[in-house]
C-alpha atoms as a PDB file:
ATOM      1  CA  MET A   1      74.383  36.811 -27.745  1.00  0.00           C
ATOM      2  CA  SER A   2      77.686  36.256 -29.624  1.00  0.00           C
ATOM      3  CA  GLN A   3      79.613  39.286 -30.831  1.00  0.00           C
ATOM      4  CA  THR A   4      79.044  39.227 -34.582  1.00  0.00           C
ATOM      5  CA  PRO A   5      79.614  42.062 -36.835  1.00  0.00           C
ATOM      6  CA  THR A   6      76.794  44.473 -37.204  1.00  0.00           C
ATOM      7  CA  ARG A   7      75.865  47.358 -39.414  1.00  0.00           C
ATOM      8  CA  PRO A   8      73.787  50.457 -38.500  1.00  0.00           C
ATOM      9  CA  VAL A   9      70.205  50.472 -39.910  1.00  0.00           C
ATOM     10  CA  GLN A  10      67.487  53.022 -39.600  1.00  0.00           C
ATOM     11  CA  VAL A  11      63.788  52.206 -39.066  1.00  0.00           C
ATOM     12  CA  ARG A  12      60.807  54.192 -38.211  1.00  0.00           C
ATOM     13  CA  LEU A  13      58.505  52.662 -35.525  1.00  0.00           C
ATOM     14  CA  PRO A  14      55.228  53.867 -34.000  1.00  0.00           C
ATOM     15  CA  GLU A  15      55.611  55.528 -30.667  1.00  0.00           C
ATOM     16  CA  ALA A  16      53.846  52.812 -28.969  1.00  0.00           C
ATOM     17  CA  VAL A  17      56.265  50.060 -30.358  1.00  0.00           C
ATOM     18  CA  ASP A  18      59.332  52.104 -29.696  1.00  0.00           C
ATOM     19  CA  ASP A  19      58.013  52.517 -25.999  1.00  0.00           C
ATOM     20  CA  LEU A  20      57.669  48.667 -25.745  1.00  0.00           C
ATOM     21  CA  LEU A  21      61.117  48.038 -27.281  1.00  0.00           C
ATOM     22  CA  THR A  22      62.585  50.572 -24.650  1.00  0.00           C
ATOM     23  CA  GLU A  23      60.648  48.992 -21.877  1.00  0.00           C
ATOM     24  CA  LEU A  24      61.633  45.418 -22.809  1.00  0.00           C
ATOM     25  CA  ALA A  25      65.231  46.484 -23.306  1.00  0.00           C
ATOM     26  CA  HIS A  26      65.334  48.188 -19.850  1.00  0.00           C
ATOM     27  CA  GLU A  27      63.494  45.245 -18.089  1.00  0.00           C
ATOM     28  CA  ARG A  28      66.030  42.917 -19.539  1.00  0.00           C
ATOM     29  CA  GLY A  29      69.072  44.906 -18.994  1.00  0.00           C
ATOM     30  CA  GLU A  30      69.821  44.601 -22.729  1.00  0.00           C
ATOM     31  CA  SER A  31      70.189  46.874 -25.748  1.00  0.00           C
ATOM     32  CA  LYS A  32      67.435  47.523 -28.067  1.00  0.00           C
ATOM     33  CA  THR A  33      69.485  45.880 -30.734  1.00  0.00           C
ATOM     34  CA  SER A  34      69.470  42.670 -28.724  1.00  0.00           C
ATOM     35  CA  VAL A  35      65.766  42.759 -28.172  1.00  0.00           C
ATOM     36  CA  VAL A  36      65.091  43.376 -31.961  1.00  0.00           C
ATOM     37  CA  ILE A  37      67.714  40.633 -33.040  1.00  0.00           C
ATOM     38  CA  GLU A  38      65.843  38.296 -30.711  1.00  0.00           C
ATOM     39  CA  ALA A  39      62.545  39.222 -32.002  1.00  0.00           C
ATOM     40  CA  LEU A  40      63.541  38.786 -35.733  1.00  0.00           C
ATOM     41  CA  GLU A  41      65.213  35.320 -34.957  1.00  0.00           C
ATOM     42  CA  CYS A  42      61.793  34.290 -33.226  1.00  0.00           C
ATOM     43  CA  LEU A  43      60.045  35.489 -36.428  1.00  0.00           C
ATOM     44  CA  ARG A  44      62.306  33.614 -38.627  1.00  0.00           C
ATOM     45  CA  ARG A  45      61.751  30.459 -36.490  1.00  0.00           C
ATOM     46  CA  GLN A  46      58.056  30.899 -36.806  1.00  0.00           C
ATOM     47  CA  GLU A  47      58.151  31.323 -40.582  1.00  0.00           C
ATOM     48  CA  LEU A  48      60.383  28.206 -40.920  1.00  0.00           C
ATOM     49  CA  GLU A  49      57.913  26.149 -38.888  1.00  0.00           C
ATOM     50  CA  ARG A  50      55.041  27.454 -41.004  1.00  0.00           C
ATOM     51  CA  SER A  51      56.805  26.340 -44.064  1.00  0.00           C
ATOM     52  CA  MET A  52      57.636  22.969 -42.657  1.00  0.00           C
ATOM     53  CA  GLU A  53      54.171  22.399 -41.390  1.00  0.00           C
ATOM     54  CA  ALA A  54      52.736  23.112 -44.910  1.00  0.00           C
ATOM     55  CA  GLY A  55      55.287  20.785 -46.408  1.00  0.00           C
ATOM     56  CA  TYR A  56      54.409  18.031 -44.023  1.00  0.00           C
ATOM     57  CA  ARG A  57      50.712  18.506 -44.673  1.00  0.00           C
ATOM     58  CA  GLU A  58      51.228  18.346 -48.457  1.00  0.00           C
ATOM     59  CA  LEU A  59      53.454  15.427 -48.181  1.00  0.00           C
ATOM     60  CA  ALA A  60      51.043  13.563 -45.783  1.00  0.00           C
ATOM     61  CA  GLY A  61      47.916  14.475 -47.957  1.00  0.00           C
ATOM     62  CA  GLU A  62      49.781  13.055 -51.149  1.00  0.00           C
ATOM     63  CA  GLN A  63      50.728   9.877 -49.245  1.00  0.00           C
ATOM     64  CA  ALA A  64      47.126   9.540 -47.834  1.00  0.00           C
ATOM     65  CA  GLY A  65      45.777   9.770 -51.324  1.00  0.00           C
ATOM     66  CA  GLU A  66      48.077   7.325 -52.779  1.00  0.00           C
ATOM     67  CA  GLN A  67      47.516   4.749 -49.907  1.00  0.00           C
ATOM     68  CA  VAL A  68      43.807   4.851 -49.171  1.00  0.00           C
ATOM     69  CA  GLY A  69      40.697   6.195 -50.812  1.00  0.00           C
ATOM     70  CA  GLY A  70      37.329   7.414 -50.051  1.00  0.00           C
ATOM     71  CA  GLU A  71      36.099   7.519 -46.345  1.00  0.00           C
ATOM     72  CA  ARG A  72      39.433   6.030 -45.016  1.00  0.00           C
ATOM     73  CA  ALA A  73      41.327   8.833 -46.803  1.00  0.00           C
ATOM     74  CA  GLU A  74      39.228  11.470 -45.157  1.00  0.00           C
ATOM     75  CA  PHE A  75      39.811   9.794 -41.751  1.00  0.00           C
ATOM     76  CA  VAL A  76      43.469   9.822 -42.384  1.00  0.00           C
ATOM     77  CA  ARG A  77      43.445  13.529 -43.221  1.00  0.00           C
ATOM     78  CA  ALA A  78      41.404  14.318 -40.138  1.00  0.00           C
ATOM     79  CA  ALA A  79      43.835  12.335 -37.910  1.00  0.00           C
ATOM     80  CA  LEU A  80      46.789  14.307 -39.606  1.00  0.00           C
ATOM     81  CA  ASP A  81      44.850  17.660 -39.069  1.00  0.00           C
ATOM     82  CA  ALA A  82      44.484  16.618 -35.455  1.00  0.00           C
ATOM     83  CA  SER A  83      48.081  15.523 -34.902  1.00  0.00           C
ATOM     84  CA  LEU A  84      49.970  18.434 -36.467  1.00  0.00           C
ATOM     85  CA  PRO A  85      49.992  21.772 -34.691  1.00  0.00           C
ATOM     86  CA  ILE A  86      48.609  24.631 -36.239  1.00  0.00           C
ATOM     87  CA  ILE A  87      50.835  27.676 -36.037  1.00  0.00           C
ATOM     88  CA  PRO A  88      48.884  30.961 -35.731  1.00  0.00           C
ATOM     89  CA  ASP A  89      49.438  33.693 -38.169  1.00  0.00           C
END
């Protein structure tokens, strides 16, 4: 991880979450800060992927509706649903 400027923050965590954070930091030989930063970056990526997935589905649905109608449109939507990954909540 690069050395970027940081600022102190204070958060309250349930004991079990703090225990997990401490354990992960210890296992990795990293600071709790490093583990939290990595977790937040992962969450940001997941949110971006969800947003992109929704946008692609909307765009593809619009294009399918413009290009084909009836049963074929449903087939195209089903194929699209099967081909795009679903990112779990």
